[in-house]
Amino acid sequence: MITSTIKTSDIFKDLDSDDLQLIQNKAIKTVYLKDEVIFQQNDPGDQMYMVVQGVVEIWKSEGKILKGSRLARLEEGEIFGEMSLFDHKPRSASAVAAIENE
């Protein structure tokens, strides 16, 4: 399932099969339960993530409250957490596993 999601993701769609294989070889599948924190705002960032199944919400914390303002709701094939790879700054928001209830 990871391979098919990588191939159809907008960010990787123009890569050839060799490059896709390199990414696949680096990919690590991790399962998160509903409301489980994937990373928190201000954590160091050294990897990016892709939603393979389910929904991930991105939250901007307000003070000590983890879920302050929801910034995004991401679904299959969407990438998140990549900003820290480019700017080398701590995470600007938190990512939490969610289940579609709407």
PDB file of N, CA and C in Angstrom:
ATOM      1  N   MET A   1       0.825  -1.207   0.000  1.00  0.00           N
ATOM      2  CA  MET A   1       0.000   0.000   0.000  1.00  0.00           C
ATOM      3  C   MET A   1       0.866   1.268   0.000  1.00  0.00           C
ATOM      4  N   ILE A   2       2.002   1.215   0.694  1.00  0.00           N
ATOM      5  CA  ILE A   2       2.878   2.388   0.712  1.00  0.00           C
ATOM      6  C   ILE A   2       3.360   2.702  -0.698  1.00  0.00           C
ATOM      7  N   THR A   3       3.769   1.670  -1.430  1.00  0.00           N
ATOM      8  CA  THR A   3       4.293   1.873  -2.777  1.00  0.00           C
ATOM      9  C   THR A   3       3.279   2.545  -3.679  1.00  0.00           C
ATOM     10  N   SER A   4       2.033   2.079  -3.669  1.00  0.00           N
ATOM     11  CA  SER A   4       1.015   2.677  -4.536  1.00  0.00           C
ATOM     12  C   SER A   4       0.701   4.105  -4.120  1.00  0.00           C
ATOM     13  N   THR A   5       0.728   4.403  -2.834  1.00  0.00           N
ATOM     14  CA  THR A   5       0.475   5.763  -2.362  1.00  0.00           C
ATOM     15  C   THR A   5       1.617   6.693  -2.767  1.00  0.00           C
ATOM     16  N   ILE A   6       2.844   6.223  -2.661  1.00  0.00           N
ATOM     17  CA  ILE A   6       3.994   7.036  -3.086  1.00  0.00           C
ATOM     18  C   ILE A   6       3.883   7.357  -4.569  1.00  0.00           C
ATOM     19  N   LYS A   7       3.549   6.373  -5.372  1.00  0.00           N
ATOM     20  CA  LYS A   7       3.466   6.564  -6.823  1.00  0.00           C
ATOM     21  C   LYS A   7       2.394   7.571  -7.227  1.00  0.00           C
ATOM     22  N   THR A   8       1.317   7.653  -6.459  1.00  0.00           N
ATOM     23  CA  THR A   8       0.207   8.535  -6.824  1.00  0.00           C
ATOM     24  C   THR A   8       0.261   9.898  -6.137  1.00  0.00           C
ATOM     25  N   SER A   9       1.206  10.086  -5.226  1.00  0.00           N
ATOM     26  CA  SER A   9       1.321  11.367  -4.525  1.00  0.00           C
ATOM     27  C   SER A   9       1.819  12.451  -5.472  1.00  0.00           C
ATOM     28  N   ASP A  10       1.238  13.631  -5.402  1.00  0.00           N
ATOM     29  CA  ASP A  10       1.628  14.747  -6.261  1.00  0.00           C
ATOM     30  C   ASP A  10       3.118  15.066  -6.175  1.00  0.00           C
ATOM     31  N   ILE A  11       3.676  14.991  -5.001  1.00  0.00           N
ATOM     32  CA  ILE A  11       5.070  15.377  -4.818  1.00  0.00           C
ATOM     33  C   ILE A  11       6.033  14.422  -5.526  1.00  0.00           C
ATOM     34  N   PHE A  12       5.632  13.164  -5.717  1.00  0.00           N
ATOM     35  CA  PHE A  12       6.504  12.168  -6.335  1.00  0.00           C
ATOM     36  C   PHE A  12       6.074  11.750  -7.737  1.00  0.00           C
ATOM     37  N   LYS A  13       5.011  12.311  -8.252  1.00  0.00           N
ATOM     38  CA  LYS A  13       4.408  11.828  -9.497  1.00  0.00           C
ATOM     39  C   LYS A  13       5.329  11.886 -10.721  1.00  0.00           C
ATOM     40  N   ASP A  14       6.303  12.779 -10.741  1.00  0.00           N
ATOM     41  CA  ASP A  14       7.181  12.914 -11.905  1.00  0.00           C
ATOM     42  C   ASP A  14       8.485  12.127 -11.793  1.00  0.00           C
ATOM     43  N   LEU A  15       8.635  11.375 -10.729  1.00  0.00           N
ATOM     44  CA  LEU A  15       9.859  10.598 -10.543  1.00  0.00           C
ATOM     45  C   LEU A  15       9.816   9.307 -11.356  1.00  0.00           C
ATOM     46  N   ASP A  16      10.991   8.861 -11.802  1.00  0.00           N
ATOM     47  CA  ASP A  16      11.037   7.594 -12.528  1.00  0.00           C
ATOM     48  C   ASP A  16      11.036   6.434 -11.531  1.00  0.00           C
ATOM     49  N   SER A  17      10.954   5.218 -12.033  1.00  0.00           N
ATOM     50  CA  SER A  17      10.807   4.049 -11.163  1.00  0.00           C
ATOM     51  C   SER A  17      12.025   3.836 -10.253  1.00  0.00           C
ATOM     52  N   ASP A  18      13.226   4.186 -10.728  1.00  0.00           N
ATOM     53  CA  ASP A  18      14.416   4.047  -9.876  1.00  0.00           C
ATOM     54  C   ASP A  18      14.356   4.984  -8.672  1.00  0.00           C
ATOM     55  N   ASP A  19      13.955   6.226  -8.918  1.00  0.00           N
ATOM     56  CA  ASP A  19      13.834   7.193  -7.821  1.00  0.00           C
ATOM     57  C   ASP A  19      12.722   6.791  -6.858  1.00  0.00           C
ATOM     58  N   LEU A  20      11.604   6.311  -7.388  1.00  0.00           N
ATOM     59  CA  LEU A  20      10.508   5.847  -6.532  1.00  0.00           C
ATOM     60  C   LEU A  20      10.964   4.676  -5.657  1.00  0.00           C
ATOM     61  N   GLN A  21      11.782   3.806  -6.225  1.00  0.00           N
ATOM     62  CA  GLN A  21      12.298   2.667  -5.460  1.00  0.00           C
ATOM     63  C   GLN A  21      13.209   3.137  -4.329  1.00  0.00           C
ATOM     64  N   LEU A  22      14.020   4.161  -4.566  1.00  0.00           N
ATOM     65  CA  LEU A  22      14.874   4.715  -3.511  1.00  0.00           C
ATOM     66  C   LEU A  22      14.036   5.248  -2.351  1.00  0.00           C
ATOM     67  N   ILE A  23      12.963   5.941  -2.685  1.00  0.00           N
ATOM     68  CA  ILE A  23      12.073   6.471  -1.650  1.00  0.00           C
ATOM     69  C   ILE A  23      11.399   5.330  -0.902  1.00  0.00           C
ATOM     70  N   GLN A  24      10.916   4.346  -1.644  1.00  0.00           N
ATOM     71  CA  GLN A  24      10.270   3.185  -1.027  1.00  0.00           C
ATOM     72  C   GLN A  24      11.217   2.491  -0.048  1.00  0.00           C
ATOM     73  N   ASN A  25      12.478   2.388  -0.413  1.00  0.00           N
ATOM     74  CA  ASN A  25      13.460   1.719   0.448  1.00  0.00           C
ATOM     75  C   ASN A  25      13.697   2.480   1.750  1.00  0.00           C
ATOM     76  N   LYS A  26      13.487   3.788   1.746  1.00  0.00           N
ATOM     77  CA  LYS A  26      13.675   4.616   2.948  1.00  0.00           C
ATOM     78  C   LYS A  26      12.401   4.732   3.791  1.00  0.00           C
ATOM     79  N   ALA A  27      11.266   4.395   3.203  1.00  0.00           N
ATOM     80  CA  ALA A  27       9.978   4.567   3.888  1.00  0.00           C
ATOM     81  C   ALA A  27       9.845   3.594   5.062  1.00  0.00           C
ATOM     82  N   ILE A  28       9.290   4.108   6.142  1.00  0.00           N
ATOM     83  CA  ILE A  28       9.031   3.304   7.331  1.00  0.00           C
ATOM     84  C   ILE A  28       7.537   3.395   7.620  1.00  0.00           C
ATOM     85  N   LYS A  29       6.871   2.264   7.657  1.00  0.00           N
ATOM     86  CA  LYS A  29       5.431   2.252   7.945  1.00  0.00           C
ATOM     87  C   LYS A  29       5.227   2.287   9.460  1.00  0.00           C
ATOM     88  N   THR A  30       4.433   3.251   9.900  1.00  0.00           N
ATOM     89  CA  THR A  30       4.094   3.388  11.313  1.00  0.00           C
ATOM     90  C   THR A  30       2.589   3.558  11.425  1.00  0.00           C
ATOM     91  N   VAL A  31       1.983   2.864  12.366  1.00  0.00           N
ATOM     92  CA  VAL A  31       0.545   2.946  12.583  1.00  0.00           C
ATOM     93  C   VAL A  31       0.286   3.781  13.831  1.00  0.00           C
ATOM     94  N   TYR A  32      -0.620   4.750  13.705  1.00  0.00           N
ATOM     95  CA  TYR A  32      -0.997   5.604  14.832  1.00  0.00           C
ATOM     96  C   TYR A  32      -2.474   5.401  15.129  1.00  0.00           C
ATOM     97  N   LEU A  33      -2.819   5.383  16.389  1.00  0.00           N
ATOM     98  CA  LEU A  33      -4.209   5.256  16.818  1.00  0.00           C
ATOM     99  C   LEU A  33      -4.873   6.624  16.840  1.00  0.00           C
ATOM    100  N   LYS A  34      -6.195   6.639  16.837  1.00  0.00           N
ATOM    101  CA  LYS A  34      -6.956   7.890  16.903  1.00  0.00           C
ATOM    102  C   LYS A  34      -6.468   8.728  18.077  1.00  0.00           C
ATOM    103  N   ASP A  35      -6.250  10.017  17.821  1.00  0.00           N
ATOM    104  CA  ASP A  35      -5.805  11.004  18.810  1.00  0.00           C
ATOM    105  C   ASP A  35      -4.354  10.825  19.252  1.00  0.00           C
ATOM    106  N   GLU A  36      -3.620   9.906  18.639  1.00  0.00           N
ATOM    107  CA  GLU A  36      -2.210   9.745  18.976  1.00  0.00           C
ATOM    108  C   GLU A  36      -1.402  10.858  18.311  1.00  0.00           C
ATOM    109  N   VAL A  37      -0.509  11.454  19.071  1.00  0.00           N
ATOM    110  CA  VAL A  37       0.332  12.536  18.569  1.00  0.00           C
ATOM    111  C   VAL A  37       1.471  11.946  17.732  1.00  0.00           C
ATOM    112  N   ILE A  38       1.615  12.433  16.517  1.00  0.00           N
ATOM    113  CA  ILE A  38       2.692  12.005  15.629  1.00  0.00           C
ATOM    114  C   ILE A  38       3.942  12.826  15.912  1.00  0.00           C
ATOM    115  N   PHE A  39       3.783  14.119  15.999  1.00  0.00           N
ATOM    116  CA  PHE A  39       4.830  15.004  16.497  1.00  0.00           C
ATOM    117  C   PHE A  39       4.166  16.253  17.052  1.00  0.00           C
ATOM    118  N   GLN A  40       4.886  16.933  17.958  1.00  0.00           N
ATOM    119  CA  GLN A  40       4.353  18.132  18.591  1.00  0.00           C
ATOM    120  C   GLN A  40       5.053  19.379  18.077  1.00  0.00           C
ATOM    121  N   GLN A  41       4.316  20.462  18.125  1.00  0.00           N
ATOM    122  CA  GLN A  41       4.873  21.766  17.800  1.00  0.00           C
ATOM    123  C   GLN A  41       6.150  21.963  18.630  1.00  0.00           C
ATOM    124  N   ASN A  42       7.181  22.493  17.989  1.00  0.00           N
ATOM    125  CA  ASN A  42       8.490  22.775  18.581  1.00  0.00           C
ATOM    126  C   ASN A  42       9.404  21.555  18.698  1.00  0.00           C
ATOM    127  N   ASP A  43       8.920  20.362  18.330  1.00  0.00           N
ATOM    128  CA  ASP A  43       9.813  19.204  18.258  1.00  0.00           C
ATOM    129  C   ASP A  43      10.826  19.437  17.143  1.00  0.00           C
ATOM    130  N   PRO A  44      12.020  18.860  17.258  1.00  0.00           N
ATOM    131  CA  PRO A  44      12.944  18.932  16.124  1.00  0.00           C
ATOM    132  C   PRO A  44      12.374  18.117  14.961  1.00  0.00           C
ATOM    133  N   GLY A  45      12.652  18.543  13.745  1.00  0.00           N
ATOM    134  CA  GLY A  45      12.124  17.839  12.582  1.00  0.00           C
ATOM    135  C   GLY A  45      13.227  17.290  11.709  1.00  0.00           C
ATOM    136  N   ASP A  46      13.238  15.966  11.533  1.00  0.00           N
ATOM    137  CA  ASP A  46      14.262  15.360  10.695  1.00  0.00           C
ATOM    138  C   ASP A  46      13.677  14.359   9.701  1.00  0.00           C
ATOM    139  N   GLN A  47      12.364  14.369   9.570  1.00  0.00           N
ATOM    140  CA  GLN A  47      11.717  13.489   8.608  1.00  0.00           C
ATOM    141  C   GLN A  47      10.380  14.065   8.195  1.00  0.00           C
ATOM    142  N   MET A  48       9.890  13.607   7.041  1.00  0.00           N
ATOM    143  CA  MET A  48       8.558  14.003   6.600  1.00  0.00           C
ATOM    144  C   MET A  48       7.679  12.759   6.612  1.00  0.00           C
ATOM    145  N   TYR A  49       6.393  12.985   6.507  1.00  0.00           N
ATOM    146  CA  TYR A  49       5.416  11.909   6.612  1.00  0.00           C
ATOM    147  C   TYR A  49       4.468  11.944   5.424  1.00  0.00           C
ATOM    148  N   MET A  50       3.861  10.787   5.158  1.00  0.00           N
ATOM    149  CA  MET A  50       2.825  10.680   4.139  1.00  0.00           C
ATOM    150  C   MET A  50       1.661   9.900   4.743  1.00  0.00           C
ATOM    151  N   VAL A  51       0.461  10.390   4.529  1.00  0.00           N
ATOM    152  CA  VAL A  51      -0.725   9.669   4.976  1.00  0.00           C
ATOM    153  C   VAL A  51      -0.980   8.539   3.977  1.00  0.00           C
ATOM    154  N   VAL A  52      -0.907   7.309   4.445  1.00  0.00           N
ATOM    155  CA  VAL A  52      -1.162   6.157   3.587  1.00  0.00           C
ATOM    156  C   VAL A  52      -2.606   5.709   3.756  1.00  0.00           C
ATOM    157  N   GLN A  53      -3.104   5.822   4.972  1.00  0.00           N
ATOM    158  CA  GLN A  53      -4.485   5.436   5.264  1.00  0.00           C
ATOM    159  C   GLN A  53      -4.960   6.261   6.442  1.00  0.00           C
ATOM    160  N   GLY A  54      -6.210   6.672   6.418  1.00  0.00           N
ATOM    161  CA  GLY A  54      -6.767   7.447   7.521  1.00  0.00           C
ATOM    162  C   GLY A  54      -6.675   8.938   7.292  1.00  0.00           C
ATOM    163  N   VAL A  55      -6.677   9.686   8.389  1.00  0.00           N
ATOM    164  CA  VAL A  55      -6.677  11.148   8.355  1.00  0.00           C
ATOM    165  C   VAL A  55      -5.712  11.657   9.421  1.00  0.00           C
ATOM    166  N   VAL A  56      -4.965  12.694   9.086  1.00  0.00           N
ATOM    167  CA  VAL A  56      -4.074  13.363  10.041  1.00  0.00           C
ATOM    168  C   VAL A  56      -4.487  14.824  10.098  1.00  0.00           C
ATOM    169  N   GLU A  57      -4.563  15.354  11.310  1.00  0.00           N
ATOM    170  CA  GLU A  57      -4.873  16.770  11.482  1.00  0.00           C
ATOM    171  C   GLU A  57      -3.625  17.506  11.954  1.00  0.00           C
ATOM    172  N   ILE A  58      -3.447  18.707  11.429  1.00  0.00           N
ATOM    173  CA  ILE A  58      -2.339  19.570  11.821  1.00  0.00           C
ATOM    174  C   ILE A  58      -2.908  20.678  12.691  1.00  0.00           C
ATOM    175  N   TRP A  59      -2.343  20.838  13.882  1.00  0.00           N
ATOM    176  CA  TRP A  59      -2.838  21.780  14.878  1.00  0.00           C
ATOM    177  C   TRP A  59      -1.753  22.764  15.280  1.00  0.00           C
ATOM    178  N   LYS A  60      -2.133  24.015  15.433  1.00  0.00           N
ATOM    179  CA  LYS A  60      -1.256  25.046  15.982  1.00  0.00           C
ATOM    180  C   LYS A  60      -1.594  25.156  17.462  1.00  0.00           C
ATOM    181  N   SER A  61      -0.623  24.881  18.316  1.00  0.00           N
ATOM    182  CA  SER A  61      -0.865  24.917  19.758  1.00  0.00           C
ATOM    183  C   SER A  61      -0.963  26.343  20.257  1.00  0.00           C
ATOM    184  N   GLU A  62      -1.750  26.494  21.293  1.00  0.00           N
ATOM    185  CA  GLU A  62      -1.910  27.791  21.954  1.00  0.00           C
ATOM    186  C   GLU A  62      -1.556  27.605  23.419  1.00  0.00           C
ATOM    187  N   GLY A  63      -0.403  28.098  23.804  1.00  0.00           N
ATOM    188  CA  GLY A  63       0.047  27.893  25.177  1.00  0.00           C
ATOM    189  C   GLY A  63       0.334  26.424  25.421  1.00  0.00           C
ATOM    190  N   LYS A  64      -0.233  25.863  26.475  1.00  0.00           N
ATOM    191  CA  LYS A  64      -0.012  24.456  26.801  1.00  0.00           C
ATOM    192  C   LYS A  64      -1.074  23.550  26.186  1.00  0.00           C
ATOM    193  N   ILE A  65      -2.002  24.121  25.443  1.00  0.00           N
ATOM    194  CA  ILE A  65      -3.072  23.335  24.834  1.00  0.00           C
ATOM    195  C   ILE A  65      -2.567  22.754  23.519  1.00  0.00           C
ATOM    196  N   LEU A  66      -2.571  21.408  23.407  1.00  0.00           N
ATOM    197  CA  LEU A  66      -2.084  20.765  22.185  1.00  0.00           C
ATOM    198  C   LEU A  66      -2.946  21.143  20.990  1.00  0.00           C
ATOM    199  N   LYS A  67      -4.237  21.000  21.133  1.00  0.00           N
ATOM    200  CA  LYS A  67      -5.138  21.276  20.019  1.00  0.00           C
ATOM    201  C   LYS A  67      -5.721  22.673  20.164  1.00  0.00           C
ATOM    202  N   GLY A  68      -5.037  23.643  19.626  1.00  0.00           N
ATOM    203  CA  GLY A  68      -5.521  25.021  19.664  1.00  0.00           C
ATOM    204  C   GLY A  68      -6.358  25.323  18.444  1.00  0.00           C
ATOM    205  N   SER A  69      -5.713  25.529  17.297  1.00  0.00           N
ATOM    206  CA  SER A  69      -6.405  25.842  16.044  1.00  0.00           C
ATOM    207  C   SER A  69      -6.021  24.808  14.996  1.00  0.00           C
ATOM    208  N   ARG A  70      -7.041  24.171  14.396  1.00  0.00           N
ATOM    209  CA  ARG A  70      -6.757  23.189  13.352  1.00  0.00           C
ATOM    210  C   ARG A  70      -6.378  23.918  12.072  1.00  0.00           C
ATOM    211  N   LEU A  71      -5.208  23.600  11.519  1.00  0.00           N
ATOM    212  CA  LEU A  71      -4.716  24.231  10.306  1.00  0.00           C
ATOM    213  C   LEU A  71      -5.044  23.415   9.058  1.00  0.00           C
ATOM    214  N   ALA A  72      -5.056  22.090   9.189  1.00  0.00           N
ATOM    215  CA  ALA A  72      -5.265  21.249   8.016  1.00  0.00           C
ATOM    216  C   ALA A  72      -5.795  19.880   8.425  1.00  0.00           C
ATOM    217  N   ARG A  73      -6.455  19.252   7.472  1.00  0.00           N
ATOM    218  CA  ARG A  73      -6.949  17.880   7.623  1.00  0.00           C
ATOM    219  C   ARG A  73      -6.450  17.136   6.385  1.00  0.00           C
ATOM    220  N   LEU A  74      -5.532  16.205   6.576  1.00  0.00           N
ATOM    221  CA  LEU A  74      -4.851  15.548   5.478  1.00  0.00           C
ATOM    222  C   LEU A  74      -5.326  14.111   5.298  1.00  0.00           C
ATOM    223  N   GLU A  75      -5.425  13.698   4.043  1.00  0.00           N
ATOM    224  CA  GLU A  75      -5.902  12.353   3.726  1.00  0.00           C
ATOM    225  C   GLU A  75      -4.872  11.612   2.888  1.00  0.00           C
ATOM    226  N   GLU A  76      -5.215  10.424   2.453  1.00  0.00           N
ATOM    227  CA  GLU A  76      -4.309   9.542   1.727  1.00  0.00           C
ATOM    228  C   GLU A  76      -3.533  10.252   0.618  1.00  0.00           C
ATOM    229  N   GLY A  77      -2.223  10.044   0.624  1.00  0.00           N
ATOM    230  CA  GLY A  77      -1.343  10.606  -0.394  1.00  0.00           C
ATOM    231  C   GLY A  77      -0.783  11.970  -0.062  1.00  0.00           C
ATOM    232  N   GLU A  78      -1.288  12.599   0.979  1.00  0.00           N
ATOM    233  CA  GLU A  78      -0.804  13.934   1.323  1.00  0.00           C
ATOM    234  C   GLU A  78       0.436  13.839   2.220  1.00  0.00           C
ATOM    235  N   ILE A  79       1.335  14.786   2.020  1.00  0.00           N
ATOM    236  CA  ILE A  79       2.614  14.857   2.724  1.00  0.00           C
ATOM    237  C   ILE A  79       2.532  15.923   3.817  1.00  0.00           C
ATOM    238  N   PHE A  80       3.203  15.673   4.935  1.00  0.00           N
ATOM    239  CA  PHE A  80       3.285  16.694   5.986  1.00  0.00           C
ATOM    240  C   PHE A  80       4.604  16.538   6.728  1.00  0.00           C
ATOM    241  N   GLY A  81       4.986  17.585   7.431  1.00  0.00           N
ATOM    242  CA  GLY A  81       6.214  17.567   8.211  1.00  0.00           C
ATOM    243  C   GLY A  81       7.458  17.874   7.407  1.00  0.00           C
ATOM    244  N   GLU A  82       7.285  18.225   6.147  1.00  0.00           N
ATOM    245  CA  GLU A  82       8.437  18.455   5.267  1.00  0.00           C
ATOM    246  C   GLU A  82       9.107  19.798   5.496  1.00  0.00           C
ATOM    247  N   MET A  83       8.406  20.771   6.054  1.00  0.00           N
ATOM    248  CA  MET A  83       8.971  22.116   6.210  1.00  0.00           C
ATOM    249  C   MET A  83      10.264  22.108   7.024  1.00  0.00           C
ATOM    250  N   SER A  84      10.308  21.305   8.076  1.00  0.00           N
ATOM    251  CA  SER A  84      11.498  21.252   8.929  1.00  0.00           C
ATOM    252  C   SER A  84      12.717  20.715   8.192  1.00  0.00           C
ATOM    253  N   LEU A  85      12.500  19.931   7.152  1.00  0.00           N
ATOM    254  CA  LEU A  85      13.622  19.420   6.368  1.00  0.00           C
ATOM    255  C   LEU A  85      14.305  20.534   5.583  1.00  0.00           C
ATOM    256  N   PHE A  86      13.522  21.548   5.217  1.00  0.00           N
ATOM    257  CA  PHE A  86      14.050  22.643   4.410  1.00  0.00           C
ATOM    258  C   PHE A  86      14.561  23.813   5.240  1.00  0.00           C
ATOM    259  N   ASP A  87      13.808  24.173   6.297  1.00  0.00           N
ATOM    260  CA  ASP A  87      14.211  25.353   7.066  1.00  0.00           C
ATOM    261  C   ASP A  87      15.031  25.017   8.316  1.00  0.00           C
ATOM    262  N   HIS A  88      15.156  23.726   8.643  1.00  0.00           N
ATOM    263  CA  HIS A  88      15.953  23.252   9.786  1.00  0.00           C
ATOM    264  C   HIS A  88      15.504  23.889  11.105  1.00  0.00           C
ATOM    265  N   LYS A  89      14.245  24.247  11.185  1.00  0.00           N
ATOM    266  CA  LYS A  89      13.671  24.815  12.399  1.00  0.00           C
ATOM    267  C   LYS A  89      12.775  23.772  13.061  1.00  0.00           C
ATOM    268  N   PRO A  90      12.437  23.978  14.332  1.00  0.00           N
ATOM    269  CA  PRO A  90      11.526  23.051  15.001  1.00  0.00           C
ATOM    270  C   PRO A  90      10.155  23.031  14.304  1.00  0.00           C
ATOM    271  N   ARG A  91       9.396  22.001  14.574  1.00  0.00           N
ATOM    272  CA  ARG A  91       8.055  21.849  13.999  1.00  0.00           C
ATOM    273  C   ARG A  91       7.215  23.081  14.309  1.00  0.00           C
ATOM    274  N   SER A  92       6.538  23.598  13.298  1.00  0.00           N
ATOM    275  CA  SER A  92       5.729  24.809  13.465  1.00  0.00           C
ATOM    276  C   SER A  92       4.313  24.497  13.945  1.00  0.00           C
ATOM    277  N   ALA A  93       3.950  23.215  13.960  1.00  0.00           N
ATOM    278  CA  ALA A  93       2.620  22.803  14.394  1.00  0.00           C
ATOM    279  C   ALA A  93       2.699  21.341  14.825  1.00  0.00           C
ATOM    280  N   SER A  94       1.614  20.844  15.390  1.00  0.00           N
ATOM    281  CA  SER A  94       1.537  19.445  15.830  1.00  0.00           C
ATOM    282  C   SER A  94       0.741  18.633  14.825  1.00  0.00           C
ATOM    283  N   ALA A  95       1.034  17.338  14.747  1.00  0.00           N
ATOM    284  CA  ALA A  95       0.298  16.416  13.877  1.00  0.00           C
ATOM    285  C   ALA A  95      -0.317  15.337  14.757  1.00  0.00           C
ATOM    286  N   VAL A  96      -1.623  15.075  14.537  1.00  0.00           N
ATOM    287  CA  VAL A  96      -2.357  14.120  15.352  1.00  0.00           C
ATOM    288  C   VAL A  96      -3.162  13.203  14.444  1.00  0.00           C
ATOM    289  N   ALA A  97      -3.130  11.896  14.715  1.00  0.00           N
ATOM    290  CA  ALA A  97      -3.924  10.942  13.961  1.00  0.00           C
ATOM    291  C   ALA A  97      -5.404  11.175  14.268  1.00  0.00           C
ATOM    292  N   ALA A  98      -6.237  11.107  13.246  1.00  0.00           N
ATOM    293  CA  ALA A  98      -7.675  11.360  13.423  1.00  0.00           C
ATOM    294  C   ALA A  98      -8.477  10.345  12.610  1.00  0.00           C
ATOM    295  N   ILE A  99      -9.746  10.244  12.906  1.00  0.00           N
ATOM    296  CA  ILE A  99     -10.662   9.378  12.140  1.00  0.00           C
ATOM    297  C   ILE A  99     -11.753  10.249  11.559  1.00  0.00           C
ATOM    298  N   GLU A 100     -12.067  10.030  10.293  1.00  0.00           N
ATOM    299  CA  GLU A 100     -13.107  10.788   9.607  1.00  0.00           C
ATOM    300  C   GLU A 100     -14.469  10.504  10.242  1.00  0.00           C
ATOM    301  N   ASN A 101     -15.096  11.496  10.832  1.00  0.00           N
ATOM    302  CA  ASN A 101     -16.414  11.334  11.464  1.00  0.00           C
ATOM    303  C   ASN A 101     -17.450  12.236  10.831  1.00  0.00           C
ATOM    304  N   GLU A 102     -17.079  12.892   9.748  1.00  0.00           N
ATOM    305  CA  GLU A 102     -17.982  13.889   9.162  1.00  0.00           C
ATOM    306  C   GLU A 102     -18.827  13.312   8.069  1.00  0.00           C
TER     307      GLU A 102
END
